């Protein structure tokens, strides 16, 4: 592979994507070395010693770019190819192995600015396999090392996030460290305390381990990442590159208040040092996963115990096929020896465990041709460039369009119509253009001239100082009106079932609908003239709006209005604090600022929305149409005659349904759901791998039901 083939991005480009607000470690990072290792000549394959030295230098530089600067310039697949080549050469010529070879260590150097601390037990990375043959060789190698090792494995998806260790003493959070270079990490305790999925105290009544080092991954879910970038784009801010970099930057902020604003989640999957004390030790990895859930941690979704190596291969293929459906970015699957004693006996190599392996998936990047650039006008008036592509499959999805974000992004990436471009879905729900393949650029391709007028209404666009977005300021612009109405009925708005964007486009373009309130006045006769519209479909659409009129919540309506900077989460917050739309409209700036997560910018946007005469007219129309919900604050009382009336219950172990659903069923049957085992508990309902709560319940003489018996009890409404 030549340097030209390898470096698809410009390695000399200044770091820019993935920036974070506030005082970030990215702003206090050590300076890069003066000499650029990427400019070193590539030795030929017939000079193995020189090539090994070159590979060590190149890989260490990429480690620095990826781990220290969070600015990788090559894909994971390209890095893996170089790494595997170095491993092969070191196996063939061990006498020339460098003492600072990247094969001997994990991760990269540390940024300055946060205290550093050594891990009590090293945080290893994982070796990778890329085929069934390599997996079978790993199993055979494990068998040679420990012939009596069981062949059952705990498998879960390989999360693409930031590795973290959280330390608990007697159930209380004490410290948190990033992985760093594996030996030493950065202390990020206060930042971790802001992550809502991290328990400050372990759930349950104990006894807890005297010391418990919980290891896992900090991630940002794809839908949250898309919402972050949508908001940043509306503010004219630079877009974040991908969820992993965004999570890493947020966790390593020097100003913890900025960390608190990011939707970080920690998913736990293993342990470092542990002193069990009086706590019941775990014997198996699948028990550990259940124990971590009992302690209050999220764990990687769709984890599974596989009885043999063949079942592991089946699991990996299922994860690969369903990759796009996971809520977070994943880049593979992990298989771990299920027996923890066998794990300890197998031990580690210089850089990875012998009891676990990662199946790496290929990156979701493809090449295709950019046939044009179209400017879309969003509901806030933002002019967004969209790449028109020759159809190409990316991660199992056929892609014909991809976002180019804004004028600055087009200029920075220098993409031109006619270019062969790299398209990816990693890190974004919407496909994006990563950059051009410069060596394939056609002669005469010209830089794209971004329009400074609205392509729909022709009004001059404007760009505020410090913003990246050009906006159409015409609130009567047909495109702004159309996108606003589409948002109103979408899943992020009222979630009107059976009414898609194409029907809204027809209603608006025909002049039948020009404002959301007119949707609720539609009749079957109004709809029948439209092409492919029959009486049955027309009645379904009318019924859908009627259903929304009577069943929409205040939170849904607030979200549907499309108030700038007010998404679904803020809409729920507002609905929890105001009785109805009248109360919200009357709220002053100071009252809004008293709410958590509402700052001056959001408060100003809310006040501006309700002060607009056109919005007041629209809201008056919604009220007249009967769409004026009030906040729902009363919790549903337990059923007086349910089969569990008066009973106090607790769930433990892995159930076939979400724990929240099981809790809802129990409460509807008259029960009160407790959080821990005590003498007050009447019934413990157990799923698979129930953990220590089962033993304590038995010792207290508490009744125990399995999930099947629980469901059977609910089915029998005459039970007492």
Foldseek 3Di string as FASTA:
>chain_A
DALLVFQQADPVDDDDAQDADDFFLLVQFDDDDPDDLSPDDQDDPVPLLVNLVSLQSVLLVQLCCCQANVHHRGDPVSSVVSVVVNVVSCVVPVVSDDPSGCVLWDGHAYGPDFDKDFDPFFDFDFAADADLVVLVVLVVVLCVLPVPFAFKWKKFFAFLAWKKKWKDAQFATDWIFTNGGRGMTGTLRVLVVLAPQDDRGFFFDDSAFRMWIWMWGKWAFQVQLQVVQVQCLLVQHRHHDFTRSNRVRLSRGPPSVSVNLGNIATATQDTDDTHGVPFDDDFWSVLVNQVCVLRRHHHGPPIDIGNHSVSVVVVFVVCLLCQLVGRTHTFWMKIFRTGVVSQVSQAADSHHGSGMHTHGHDFQKDKWAFADWDWAQALQFWTWIKTATDWDAGSNDTDGIATQSFDVSCVSQVDFHGFTFMWHPHRHVGIHTPHGSVVRRDPPTDRDDDDQADPQPRHGWDDDPPGRTTGDPDNQGLRNQLNLLQLCCPPQALVQPPDHSVNSVVCSVVVVDRANLSQQVDDLVNPVVDPPDDSVSSVSSNVSSVCSLPDGAQLRHVQSNCQRPQTSVNSVQVLVPAFWPVRQQPDALVNQCVGPPDDNVNSVSSPVQSVDPVNVVRVVSSVVSNRIHTRDDDDDAEDCQAQQAPAEEEEFEDDPDDPVVVCVLNRNRRYHYDRYDDLRHAEYEYEPSRGDRVVVCVVSVHHYHYPVVVVVSRVPRNHD
